[in-house]
Amino acid sequence: MDELIPTAVNVDGALLIALATLLCLGALGFAGLRQTHAEMAVLKRLDHQAARLGSPRLPKKPR
């Protein structure tokens, strides 16, 4: 019976570490998406300013 307790603690610890790792990766992914969205908004704003000042527009991505 004494041998089962450390194994259960190790499994619980491993699950906790795995869950914390997934949570951190999810947070990093969400932060990356927000950063990309912010960068695209800045580029769009700069494109509109350039068009207003008479500079040529950025080429559109082919779809």
C-alpha atoms as a PDB file:
ATOM      1  CA  MET A   1       0.000   0.000   0.000  1.00  0.00           C
ATOM      2  CA  ASP A   2       2.851   2.385   0.726  1.00  0.00           C
ATOM      3  CA  GLU A   3       4.184   1.906  -2.804  1.00  0.00           C
ATOM      4  CA  LEU A   4       0.973   3.178  -4.408  1.00  0.00           C
ATOM      5  CA  ILE A   5       1.020   6.619  -2.791  1.00  0.00           C
ATOM      6  CA  PRO A   6       4.232   7.913  -4.453  1.00  0.00           C
ATOM      7  CA  THR A   7       3.038   6.604  -7.829  1.00  0.00           C
ATOM      8  CA  ALA A   8      -0.283   8.424  -7.472  1.00  0.00           C
ATOM      9  CA  VAL A   9       1.509  11.608  -6.441  1.00  0.00           C
ATOM     10  CA  ASN A  10       3.837  11.313  -9.438  1.00  0.00           C
ATOM     11  CA  VAL A  11       0.903  10.809 -11.824  1.00  0.00           C
ATOM     12  CA  ASP A  12      -0.942  13.784 -10.342  1.00  0.00           C
ATOM     13  CA  GLY A  13       2.204  15.890 -10.608  1.00  0.00           C
ATOM     14  CA  ALA A  14       2.740  14.847 -14.213  1.00  0.00           C
ATOM     15  CA  LEU A  15      -0.861  15.706 -15.089  1.00  0.00           C
ATOM     16  CA  LEU A  16      -0.506  19.067 -13.370  1.00  0.00           C
ATOM     17  CA  ILE A  17       2.691  19.818 -15.294  1.00  0.00           C
ATOM     18  CA  ALA A  18       1.076  18.755 -18.583  1.00  0.00           C
ATOM     19  CA  LEU A  19      -1.967  20.939 -17.902  1.00  0.00           C
ATOM     20  CA  ALA A  20       0.207  23.924 -16.974  1.00  0.00           C
ATOM     21  CA  THR A  21       2.267  23.431 -20.147  1.00  0.00           C
ATOM     22  CA  LEU A  22      -0.856  23.357 -22.323  1.00  0.00           C
ATOM     23  CA  LEU A  23      -2.180  26.454 -20.577  1.00  0.00           C
ATOM     24  CA  CYS A  24       1.083  28.329 -21.199  1.00  0.00           C
ATOM     25  CA  LEU A  25       1.158  27.283 -24.856  1.00  0.00           C
ATOM     26  CA  GLY A  26      -2.448  28.401 -25.278  1.00  0.00           C
ATOM     27  CA  ALA A  27      -1.676  31.767 -23.698  1.00  0.00           C
ATOM     28  CA  LEU A  28       1.338  32.226 -25.977  1.00  0.00           C
ATOM     29  CA  GLY A  29      -0.745  31.317 -29.028  1.00  0.00           C
ATOM     30  CA  PHE A  30      -3.453  33.798 -28.054  1.00  0.00           C
ATOM     31  CA  ALA A  31      -0.861  36.522 -27.470  1.00  0.00           C
ATOM     32  CA  GLY A  32       0.667  35.787 -30.876  1.00  0.00           C
ATOM     33  CA  LEU A  33      -2.720  36.121 -32.569  1.00  0.00           C
ATOM     34  CA  ARG A  34      -3.356  39.446 -30.832  1.00  0.00           C
ATOM     35  CA  GLN A  35       0.103  40.697 -31.851  1.00  0.00           C
ATOM     36  CA  THR A  36      -0.486  39.690 -35.483  1.00  0.00           C
ATOM     37  CA  HIS A  37      -3.889  41.400 -35.469  1.00  0.00           C
ATOM     38  CA  ALA A  38      -2.354  44.595 -34.060  1.00  0.00           C
ATOM     39  CA  GLU A  39       0.423  44.570 -36.667  1.00  0.00           C
ATOM     40  CA  MET A  40      -2.078  44.102 -39.491  1.00  0.00           C
ATOM     41  CA  ALA A  41      -4.144  47.032 -38.172  1.00  0.00           C
ATOM     42  CA  VAL A  42      -1.043  49.250 -38.171  1.00  0.00           C
ATOM     43  CA  LEU A  43      -0.147  48.198 -41.723  1.00  0.00           C
ATOM     44  CA  LYS A  44      -3.697  48.879 -42.908  1.00  0.00           C
ATOM     45  CA  ARG A  45      -3.672  52.321 -41.290  1.00  0.00           C
ATOM     46  CA  LEU A  46      -0.311  53.145 -42.896  1.00  0.00           C
ATOM     47  CA  ASP A  47      -1.622  51.960 -46.267  1.00  0.00           C
ATOM     48  CA  HIS A  48      -4.622  54.292 -45.980  1.00  0.00           C
ATOM     49  CA  GLN A  49      -2.385  57.198 -44.978  1.00  0.00           C
ATOM     50  CA  ALA A  50      -0.081  56.546 -47.930  1.00  0.00           C
ATOM     51  CA  ALA A  51      -3.053  56.437 -50.298  1.00  0.00           C
ATOM     52  CA  ARG A  52      -4.381  59.692 -48.886  1.00  0.00           C
ATOM     53  CA  LEU A  53      -0.996  61.351 -49.439  1.00  0.00           C
ATOM     54  CA  GLY A  54      -0.822  60.111 -53.031  1.00  0.00           C
ATOM     55  CA  SER A  55       1.640  57.247 -52.690  1.00  0.00           C
ATOM     56  CA  PRO A  56       0.908  54.042 -54.580  1.00  0.00           C
ATOM     57  CA  ARG A  57      -1.119  51.458 -52.663  1.00  0.00           C
ATOM     58  CA  LEU A  58       0.373  48.208 -51.470  1.00  0.00           C
ATOM     59  CA  PRO A  59      -0.241  45.275 -53.812  1.00  0.00           C
ATOM     60  CA  LYS A  60      -3.067  43.017 -52.699  1.00  0.00           C
ATOM     61  CA  LYS A  61      -2.405  39.365 -51.939  1.00  0.00           C
ATOM     62  CA  PRO A  62      -3.677  37.007 -54.648  1.00  0.00           C
ATOM     63  CA  ARG A  63      -6.497  34.784 -53.428  1.00  0.00           C
END
